[in-house]
């Protein structure tokens, strides 16, 4: 197994909620295969995991680095190129995504 290179740490705690998922997906789309991002959040990002699993199947791994109660950290590694036009739409939380 190839060790992922950490490319970005994205702390979304100070980002307005409606902007978080689009920013996270934009950061993920910018990764090359075998590059990683570390997500820092103020709540369990489980809904985001399900969105990744639905929209980006087979293109990532997800590993919890810290699990609350105040800070959650997750390493997301890009394991394969995504589909044309990669995901990035909001999960329905009122953001400006499609």
Protein backbone atom coordinates (compact mmCIF):
# COMPACT_ATOMS: atom_id res chain seq x y z
CA UNK A 1 0.00 0.00 0.00
CA UNK A 2 1.27 3.45 -0.92
CA UNK A 3 1.44 5.99 1.89
CA UNK A 4 -0.82 8.94 1.08
CA UNK A 5 0.73 12.37 0.97
CA UNK A 6 -1.12 14.96 3.04
CA UNK A 7 -1.82 17.83 0.74
CA UNK A 8 -4.35 19.88 2.63
CA UNK A 9 -5.78 20.40 6.08
CA UNK A 10 -9.25 21.84 5.78
CA UNK A 11 -10.69 23.22 9.01
CA UNK A 12 -14.36 23.90 8.33
CA UNK A 13 -15.34 24.97 11.84
CA UNK A 14 -15.35 28.67 10.92
CA UNK A 15 -16.94 28.20 7.48
CA UNK A 16 -20.70 28.85 7.27
CA UNK A 17 -22.54 25.49 7.17
CA UNK A 18 -24.01 26.02 3.70
CA UNK A 19 -20.50 26.49 2.27
CA UNK A 20 -18.86 23.48 3.94
CA UNK A 21 -19.74 20.56 1.64
CA UNK A 22 -18.98 22.47 -1.58
CA UNK A 23 -15.60 23.53 -0.15
CA UNK A 24 -14.81 19.99 1.03
CA UNK A 25 -15.66 18.47 -2.36
CA UNK A 26 -13.69 21.17 -4.19
CA UNK A 27 -10.65 20.37 -2.03
CA UNK A 28 -11.11 16.65 -2.65
CA UNK A 29 -11.46 17.15 -6.43
CA UNK A 30 -8.17 19.06 -6.45
CA UNK A 31 -6.31 16.06 -5.00
CA UNK A 32 -4.32 13.71 -7.20
CA UNK A 33 -4.61 9.96 -6.71
CA UNK A 34 -2.82 8.93 -3.46
CA UNK A 35 -2.99 12.46 -2.05
CA UNK A 36 -4.95 13.13 1.12
CA UNK A 37 -6.80 15.84 2.91
CA UNK A 38 -7.43 16.12 6.61
CA UNK A 39 -10.85 17.44 7.49
CA UNK A 40 -11.33 19.20 10.84
CA UNK A 41 -14.95 19.61 11.93
CA UNK A 42 -17.01 20.56 14.98
CA UNK A 43 -19.39 17.60 14.62
CA UNK A 44 -19.36 14.02 13.42
CA UNK A 45 -19.03 14.19 9.61
CA UNK A 46 -20.98 10.95 9.11
CA UNK A 47 -23.51 12.55 6.68
CA UNK A 48 -20.57 13.75 4.58
CA UNK A 49 -19.18 10.20 4.52
CA UNK A 50 -22.48 8.93 3.13
CA UNK A 51 -22.48 11.71 0.53
CA UNK A 52 -18.94 10.72 -0.53
CA UNK A 53 -19.96 7.06 -0.64
CA UNK A 54 -22.98 7.87 -2.82
CA UNK A 55 -21.38 10.37 -5.17
CA UNK A 56 -17.75 9.23 -5.28
CA UNK A 57 -17.85 5.42 -4.93
CA UNK A 58 -14.49 3.70 -5.18
CA UNK A 59 -12.48 6.93 -5.22
CA UNK A 60 -11.60 7.48 -1.56
CA UNK A 61 -10.73 6.01 1.79
CA UNK A 62 -11.98 7.52 5.04
CA UNK A 63 -10.15 7.21 8.35
CA UNK A 64 -11.09 8.83 11.64
CA UNK A 65 -8.14 10.50 13.36
CA UNK A 66 -10.12 12.04 16.24
CA UNK A 67 -13.76 11.57 17.21
CA UNK A 68 -15.07 14.45 19.32
CA UNK A 69 -16.66 15.49 21.46
CA UNK A 70 -15.49 18.96 20.37
CA UNK A 71 -13.27 18.24 17.36
CA UNK A 72 -13.49 15.54 14.72
CA UNK A 73 -10.61 14.88 12.33
CA UNK A 74 -10.86 12.64 9.29
CA UNK A 75 -8.26 11.71 6.71
CA UNK A 76 -9.75 11.36 3.23
CA UNK A 77 -7.43 9.84 0.63
CA UNK A 78 -8.16 10.01 -3.08
CA UNK A 79 -7.62 6.43 -4.29
CA UNK A 80 -8.85 6.80 -7.88
CA UNK A 81 -9.87 9.46 -10.36
CA UNK A 82 -13.51 10.42 -10.04
CA UNK A 83 -16.23 10.47 -12.65
CA UNK A 84 -16.35 13.27 -15.20
CA UNK A 85 -17.63 16.36 -13.44
CA UNK A 86 -16.86 14.96 -9.95
CA UNK A 87 -19.39 15.48 -7.19
CA UNK A 88 -19.59 18.76 -5.39
CA UNK A 89 -23.27 19.42 -5.11
CA UNK A 90 -24.71 20.04 -1.72
CA UNK A 91 -26.51 17.28 0.15
CA UNK A 92 -29.65 19.39 0.41
CA UNK A 93 -28.75 21.59 3.35
CA UNK A 94 -29.66 24.83 1.60
CA UNK A 95 -26.31 25.55 -0.01
CA UNK A 96 -25.91 26.91 -3.50
CA UNK A 97 -25.00 23.48 -4.92
CA UNK A 98 -27.18 21.75 -7.52
